Amino acid sequence: QQVPIGFNAVRQNGLTGYVALGRVFTPGLYFLPLRQTFILFPSTLVTIEFSERGINSTTSDLGFARPDGPPIETRTGKDAGDPDSGGQPVTLSLSFQIRIPVDHVGRVYNSFSTEWRARYVLLARNVVNTVATRYTSTEFWTERRKISDDLGSSLNETLAAQGCAVEGAVQLLRVDFQDKYEDLITETQLQSQKKITNEYQMQVTKLLKELDVRSAGVDAESQAIRAIAEAEAASMINQAMADGFGVEQAAKAEAFARAKEKLNLSNDEVLQYVKLNAMRHRGSKGKTTLGLSYSEFAP
C-alpha cells in the first residue's frame, strides 16, 4: 500500500481494529499483511479557521476547505474606566496553522483517534475565549498585533501539550463589536485623530509664523546692509568727485600760473583772462553780463 506525499501513517489491523503505534510510516510504498490498512495524518501545515467564509457549503468559493467553525463569540476584558462593565461582546474571525510532527503521530492517535482536528478546534476556541478577556475593547483596536502574538503563544502552549505545534502567526481576520459600540469607538477614534490633526496643524502654523519672523529679520538685516552699502558708495562717489574737482582746480591753477608767467600778467589781468576764458567756453547759450574796467579797452 502507499502513504501519499504530504502524509504520515500508522498501521491498523482491519480484523481486530488494533493500531500499531510503534512505527510511523512516511510517504512511500509498503507491503502490508492482508487486511491491514494505513490511517493517515497530514505532515504538511493544516489551517484551522473560524470565519463566515463558505460556512454553509462544503468548500469555499476558491475551492479551499470550508472553515472549521463560525467566528468565535466571546467578551473582552473589563474597561479600566468602567470596571463594572464586564467587557463588551466581540466576535473574532481568525485562522492559524498547525503541524503534527512525525514523532507525535502515535501520541495524537492514542489521544484523539481520527478526531484530532475536532479536538484541536475545541481547544482553540477555549484558548481564544481566555485570551480575549485579557484585553479591553479599545485594545482590540490599538493593540491588535499584541493580541495576535498572545493568541499565537497561548495556542502553541496548549496544543503542543496535545501533540501538535502552531506554525507562524495567528491571523486576526476580523474583529466585530455590536453596531452601537462600533459606532461609538469609530466616533472616539475620529475625535482622537481630529485632535492629533489639529495639534499638527498648530505646530505647522507656529513653524510658519517663526519662518515669517525670521524672514522679516533677514529682510530688515538685508535692508540695513543695503543702506550702509549705499551710504558708503555715495560717500566714496562724493569723495571721488571732490578729489577730482580738487585735481581739476589744481590743474587750472597751475595752468593759469604758467600763463601768468609766460605772458607776464598781473593778478588783475589773470582774473580778467579767467573771465574771458569762461565766456569763451560758455558759448552762445543764455545771456551773461560781464563787468570789465575801462582800462581794459584802452589802447
Protein backbone atom coordinates (compact mmCIF):
# COMPACT_ATOMS: atom_id res chain seq x y z
CA GLN A 1 0.00 0.00 0.00
CA GLN A 2 1.02 3.64 -0.42
CA VAL A 3 1.42 6.53 2.01
CA PRO A 4 0.88 9.62 -0.17
CA ILE A 5 3.22 12.56 -0.19
CA GLY A 6 2.16 15.06 2.45
CA PHE A 7 1.07 12.40 4.94
CA ASN A 8 2.40 10.13 7.64
CA ALA A 9 0.57 6.99 8.75
CA VAL A 10 0.13 4.32 11.38
CA ARG A 11 -0.89 0.73 10.57
CA GLN A 12 -4.27 -0.69 11.58
CA ASN A 13 -5.40 -4.32 11.62
CA GLY A 14 -8.69 -4.46 9.73
CA LEU A 15 -9.85 -7.60 11.56
CA THR A 16 -9.13 -6.70 15.17
CA GLY A 17 -9.06 -2.89 14.88
CA TYR A 18 -5.72 -2.82 16.65
CA VAL A 19 -3.49 0.08 15.66
CA ALA A 20 0.27 -0.40 15.89
CA LEU A 21 1.72 2.85 17.22
CA GLY A 22 5.31 1.70 17.48
CA ARG A 23 6.14 2.69 13.90
CA VAL A 24 5.09 5.73 11.87
CA PHE A 25 5.18 5.29 8.10
CA THR A 26 6.43 8.18 5.98
CA PRO A 27 5.47 8.68 2.28
CA GLY A 28 6.24 5.65 0.11
CA LEU A 29 5.09 2.15 -0.96
CA TYR A 30 4.86 -0.60 1.63
CA PHE A 31 3.93 -4.30 1.68
CA LEU A 32 1.31 -4.92 4.38
CA PRO A 33 -0.20 -8.18 5.55
CA LEU A 34 -3.72 -8.98 4.39
CA ARG A 35 -6.49 -6.74 5.69
CA GLN A 36 -4.15 -4.19 7.20
CA THR A 37 -4.50 -0.54 6.21
CA PHE A 38 -2.97 2.87 6.87
CA ILE A 39 -4.51 5.63 8.96
CA LEU A 40 -3.22 8.88 7.52
CA PHE A 41 -2.15 12.04 9.31
CA PRO A 42 -1.08 15.19 7.40
CA SER A 43 2.61 16.01 7.54
CA THR A 44 2.11 19.44 5.96
CA LEU A 45 0.62 22.55 7.52
CA VAL A 46 -3.06 22.34 8.42
CA THR A 47 -5.10 25.55 8.53
CA ILE A 48 -7.70 25.94 11.24
CA GLU A 49 -10.06 28.80 10.59
CA PHE A 50 -13.03 30.40 12.32
CA SER A 51 -14.92 32.66 9.93
CA GLU A 52 -18.06 33.06 7.85
CA ARG A 53 -16.27 32.23 4.60
CA GLY A 54 -18.27 29.45 2.92
CA ILE A 55 -19.63 28.31 6.28
CA ASN A 56 -22.81 26.93 4.68
CA SER A 57 -21.07 24.94 1.93
CA THR A 58 -18.62 22.08 1.78
CA THR A 59 -15.98 24.19 0.01
CA SER A 60 -15.31 27.89 -0.26
CA ASP A 61 -15.54 29.95 -3.44
CA LEU A 62 -11.80 29.44 -4.03
CA GLY A 63 -12.00 25.68 -3.68
CA PHE A 64 -10.41 25.50 -0.21
CA ALA A 65 -11.96 23.50 2.60
CA ARG A 66 -14.63 25.39 4.46
CA PRO A 67 -13.78 26.92 7.86
CA ASP A 68 -13.75 24.74 10.94
CA GLY A 69 -16.43 26.85 12.51
CA PRO A 70 -18.13 30.23 12.55
CA PRO A 71 -16.48 33.28 14.14
CA ILE A 72 -15.93 32.92 17.87
CA GLU A 73 -18.35 34.94 20.00
CA THR A 74 -16.73 35.99 23.26
CA ARG A 75 -16.25 39.03 25.50
CA THR A 76 -13.42 41.46 26.06
CA GLY A 77 -11.94 42.26 29.46
CA LYS A 78 -13.25 44.96 31.74
CA ASP A 79 -12.64 48.54 30.66
CA ALA A 80 -10.36 50.43 33.03
CA GLY A 81 -12.76 53.37 33.06
CA ASP A 82 -15.76 51.14 33.76
CA PRO A 83 -14.75 48.11 35.89
CA ASP A 84 -18.39 47.09 36.31
CA SER A 85 -18.98 46.81 32.57
CA GLY A 86 -17.90 43.17 32.37
CA GLY A 87 -16.37 43.82 28.94
CA GLN A 88 -18.01 44.12 25.55
CA PRO A 89 -19.36 41.33 23.33
CA VAL A 90 -16.93 40.73 20.49
CA THR A 91 -16.87 38.32 17.55
CA LEU A 92 -13.45 37.18 16.33
CA SER A 93 -12.64 35.70 12.94
CA LEU A 94 -9.17 34.18 12.85
CA SER A 95 -7.01 31.47 11.38
CA PHE A 96 -3.76 29.73 12.24
CA GLN A 97 -1.76 26.75 11.04
CA ILE A 98 -0.63 23.65 12.87
CA ARG A 99 1.69 20.78 12.10
CA ILE A 100 1.73 17.25 13.57
CA PRO A 101 5.39 16.20 13.90
CA VAL A 102 6.13 12.69 12.69
CA ASP A 103 7.26 11.55 16.16
CA HIS A 104 3.94 12.74 17.65
CA VAL A 105 1.62 10.87 15.27
CA GLY A 106 1.25 7.83 17.57
CA ARG A 107 0.59 10.08 20.55
CA VAL A 108 -2.06 12.07 18.68
CA TYR A 109 -3.85 8.91 17.54
CA ASN A 110 -3.69 7.46 21.05
CA SER A 111 -5.31 10.63 22.47
CA PHE A 112 -7.87 11.54 19.78
CA SER A 113 -8.03 8.65 17.31
CA THR A 114 -9.01 10.13 13.95
CA GLU A 115 -10.95 13.01 15.56
CA TRP A 116 -7.81 15.02 16.28
CA ARG A 117 -8.94 18.01 14.23
CA ALA A 118 -12.23 18.43 16.09
CA ARG A 119 -10.35 18.24 19.37
CA TYR A 120 -7.87 20.92 18.32
CA VAL A 121 -10.73 23.14 17.16
CA LEU A 122 -12.39 22.84 20.58
CA LEU A 123 -9.15 23.58 22.40
CA ALA A 124 -8.54 26.60 20.15
CA ARG A 125 -11.98 28.02 20.95
CA ASN A 126 -11.28 27.77 24.67
CA VAL A 127 -7.90 29.50 24.28
CA VAL A 128 -9.40 32.35 22.23
CA ASN A 129 -12.11 32.90 24.86
CA THR A 130 -9.48 33.07 27.59
CA VAL A 131 -7.12 35.41 25.75
CA ALA A 132 -9.93 37.77 24.70
CA THR A 133 -10.75 38.55 28.34
CA ARG A 134 -7.20 39.82 28.90
CA TYR A 135 -7.75 42.87 26.72
CA THR A 136 -10.17 45.77 26.75
CA SER A 137 -12.31 46.64 23.76
CA THR A 138 -10.10 49.62 22.98
CA GLU A 139 -7.02 47.40 22.84
CA PHE A 140 -8.65 45.33 20.11
CA TRP A 141 -8.29 48.49 18.02
CA THR A 142 -4.93 49.76 19.22
CA GLU A 143 -3.04 46.57 20.20
CA ARG A 144 -4.16 44.07 17.57
CA ARG A 145 -0.60 42.86 16.86
CA LYS A 146 -0.03 42.27 20.56
CA ILE A 147 -3.29 40.31 20.85
CA SER A 148 -2.37 38.25 17.79
CA ASP A 149 1.02 37.38 19.32
CA ASP A 150 -0.62 36.46 22.63
CA LEU A 151 -3.10 34.20 20.83
CA GLY A 152 -0.25 32.51 18.98
CA SER A 153 1.82 31.79 22.09
CA SER A 154 -1.22 30.64 24.09
CA LEU A 155 -2.46 28.35 21.31
CA ASN A 156 1.00 26.88 20.82
CA GLU A 157 1.39 26.23 24.54
CA THR A 158 -1.99 24.48 24.75
CA LEU A 159 -1.82 22.49 21.52
CA ALA A 160 1.81 21.49 21.97
CA ALA A 161 0.74 19.63 25.10
CA GLN A 162 -1.65 17.68 22.82
CA GLY A 163 0.90 16.68 20.20
CA CYS A 164 0.93 19.46 17.59
CA ALA A 165 2.68 22.78 17.09
CA VAL A 166 1.35 26.14 15.90
CA GLU A 167 3.37 27.41 12.95
CA GLY A 168 3.61 31.13 12.19
CA ALA A 169 1.40 33.93 13.48
CA VAL A 170 -2.29 33.90 14.23
CA GLN A 171 -4.20 35.91 11.65
CA LEU A 172 -6.95 38.06 13.16
CA LEU A 173 -9.16 38.25 10.09
CA ARG A 174 -11.92 40.35 11.59
CA VAL A 175 -12.99 41.88 14.89
CA ASP A 176 -16.67 42.77 15.20
CA PHE A 177 -18.38 44.57 18.05
CA GLN A 178 -22.05 45.42 18.36
CA ASP A 179 -23.03 48.14 15.89
CA LYS A 180 -23.74 50.78 18.55
CA TYR A 181 -20.43 50.17 20.26
CA GLU A 182 -18.52 50.17 16.97
CA ASP A 183 -20.12 53.50 16.09
CA LEU A 184 -19.03 54.86 19.48
CA ILE A 185 -15.48 53.60 19.01
CA THR A 186 -15.36 55.00 15.49
CA GLU A 187 -16.51 58.41 16.71
CA THR A 188 -13.98 58.30 19.55
CA GLN A 189 -11.19 57.41 17.15
CA LEU A 190 -12.27 60.16 14.77
CA GLN A 191 -12.22 62.71 17.56
CA SER A 192 -8.80 61.47 18.66
CA GLN A 193 -7.47 61.72 15.11
CA LYS A 194 -9.03 65.16 14.74
CA LYS A 195 -7.30 66.28 17.92
CA ILE A 196 -3.97 64.97 16.67
CA THR A 197 -4.55 66.63 13.29
CA ASN A 198 -5.31 69.95 14.99
CA GLU A 199 -2.17 69.65 17.10
CA TYR A 200 -0.10 69.05 13.99
CA GLN A 201 -1.82 71.99 12.30
CA MET A 202 -0.97 74.21 15.26
CA GLN A 203 2.65 73.11 15.03
CA VAL A 204 2.68 73.88 11.32
CA THR A 205 1.14 77.33 11.93
CA LYS A 206 3.68 78.02 14.68
CA LEU A 207 6.51 76.99 12.39
CA LEU A 208 5.20 79.21 9.60
CA LYS A 209 4.99 82.16 12.00
CA GLU A 210 8.55 81.53 13.12
CA LEU A 211 9.63 81.43 9.49
CA ASP A 212 7.82 84.73 8.87
CA VAL A 213 9.60 86.33 11.85
CA ARG A 214 12.96 85.01 10.72
CA SER A 215 12.26 86.13 7.15
CA ALA A 216 11.32 89.63 8.37
CA GLY A 217 14.51 89.75 10.42
CA VAL A 218 16.56 88.70 7.42
CA ASP A 219 14.80 91.32 5.26
CA ALA A 220 15.46 94.04 7.85
CA GLU A 221 19.09 93.00 8.13
CA SER A 222 19.39 92.97 4.33
CA GLN A 223 17.88 96.45 4.11
CA ALA A 224 20.27 97.72 6.80
CA ILE A 225 23.22 96.24 4.96
CA ARG A 226 21.95 97.72 1.67
CA ALA A 227 21.52 101.17 3.30
CA ILE A 228 25.04 101.04 4.75
CA ALA A 229 26.42 99.95 1.38
CA GLU A 230 24.55 102.74 -0.44
CA ALA A 231 25.76 105.32 2.09
CA GLU A 232 29.34 104.13 1.76
CA ALA A 233 29.02 104.12 -2.04
CA ALA A 234 27.62 107.68 -2.04
CA SER A 235 30.41 108.79 0.31
CA MET A 236 33.03 107.22 -1.92
CA ILE A 237 31.49 108.82 -5.03
CA ASN A 238 31.31 112.24 -3.36
CA GLN A 239 34.87 111.90 -2.14
CA ALA A 240 35.97 110.87 -5.63
CA MET A 241 34.14 113.86 -7.12
CA ALA A 242 35.70 116.17 -4.55
CA ASP A 243 39.12 114.71 -5.22
CA GLY A 244 38.52 115.08 -8.94
CA PHE A 245 37.37 118.67 -8.55
CA GLY A 246 40.43 119.40 -6.43
CA VAL A 247 42.71 117.88 -9.08
CA GLU A 248 40.91 119.86 -11.77
CA GLN A 249 41.24 123.12 -9.84
CA ALA A 250 44.87 122.42 -9.08
CA ALA A 251 45.49 121.76 -12.79
CA LYS A 252 43.72 125.02 -13.71
CA ALA A 253 45.68 126.95 -11.11
CA GLU A 254 48.90 125.50 -12.42
CA ALA A 255 47.87 126.34 -15.99
CA PHE A 256 46.97 129.93 -15.08
CA ALA A 257 50.21 130.27 -13.17
CA ARG A 258 52.16 129.19 -16.22
CA ALA A 259 50.12 131.58 -18.43
CA LYS A 260 50.78 134.43 -15.98
CA GLU A 261 54.49 133.65 -16.03
CA LYS A 262 54.74 133.27 -19.82
CA LEU A 263 52.60 136.30 -20.59
CA ASN A 264 53.99 138.39 -17.74
CA LEU A 265 50.47 139.23 -16.48
CA SER A 266 49.46 140.87 -13.27
CA ASN A 267 46.95 139.28 -10.89
CA ASP A 268 44.16 141.54 -12.17
CA GLU A 269 45.00 140.67 -15.74
CA VAL A 270 44.90 136.96 -14.90
CA LEU A 271 41.50 137.47 -13.32
CA GLN A 272 40.24 139.19 -16.45
CA TYR A 273 41.71 136.36 -18.52
CA VAL A 274 39.82 133.81 -16.47
CA LYS A 275 36.57 135.69 -17.01
CA LEU A 276 37.10 135.93 -20.75
CA ASN A 277 38.10 132.26 -20.95
CA ALA A 278 34.92 131.30 -19.10
CA MET A 279 32.86 133.31 -21.58
CA ARG A 280 34.57 131.61 -24.47
CA HIS A 281 33.77 128.10 -23.11
CA ARG A 282 30.20 129.09 -22.28
CA GLY A 283 29.31 129.71 -25.92
CA SER A 284 26.16 131.44 -27.04
CA LYS A 285 23.73 129.75 -24.62
CA GLY A 286 21.88 132.28 -22.46
CA LYS A 287 22.87 135.81 -21.60
CA THR A 288 25.76 136.80 -19.36
CA THR A 289 26.62 140.25 -18.01
CA LEU A 290 30.34 140.72 -17.59
CA GLY A 291 31.88 143.76 -15.91
CA LEU A 292 35.28 144.92 -17.17
CA SER A 293 37.19 148.11 -16.24
CA TYR A 294 37.59 150.88 -18.85
CA SER A 295 41.30 150.48 -18.83
CA GLU A 296 40.88 147.04 -20.26
CA PHE A 297 39.62 148.60 -23.50
CA ALA A 298 42.13 151.45 -23.59
CA PRO A 299 44.60 151.47 -26.44
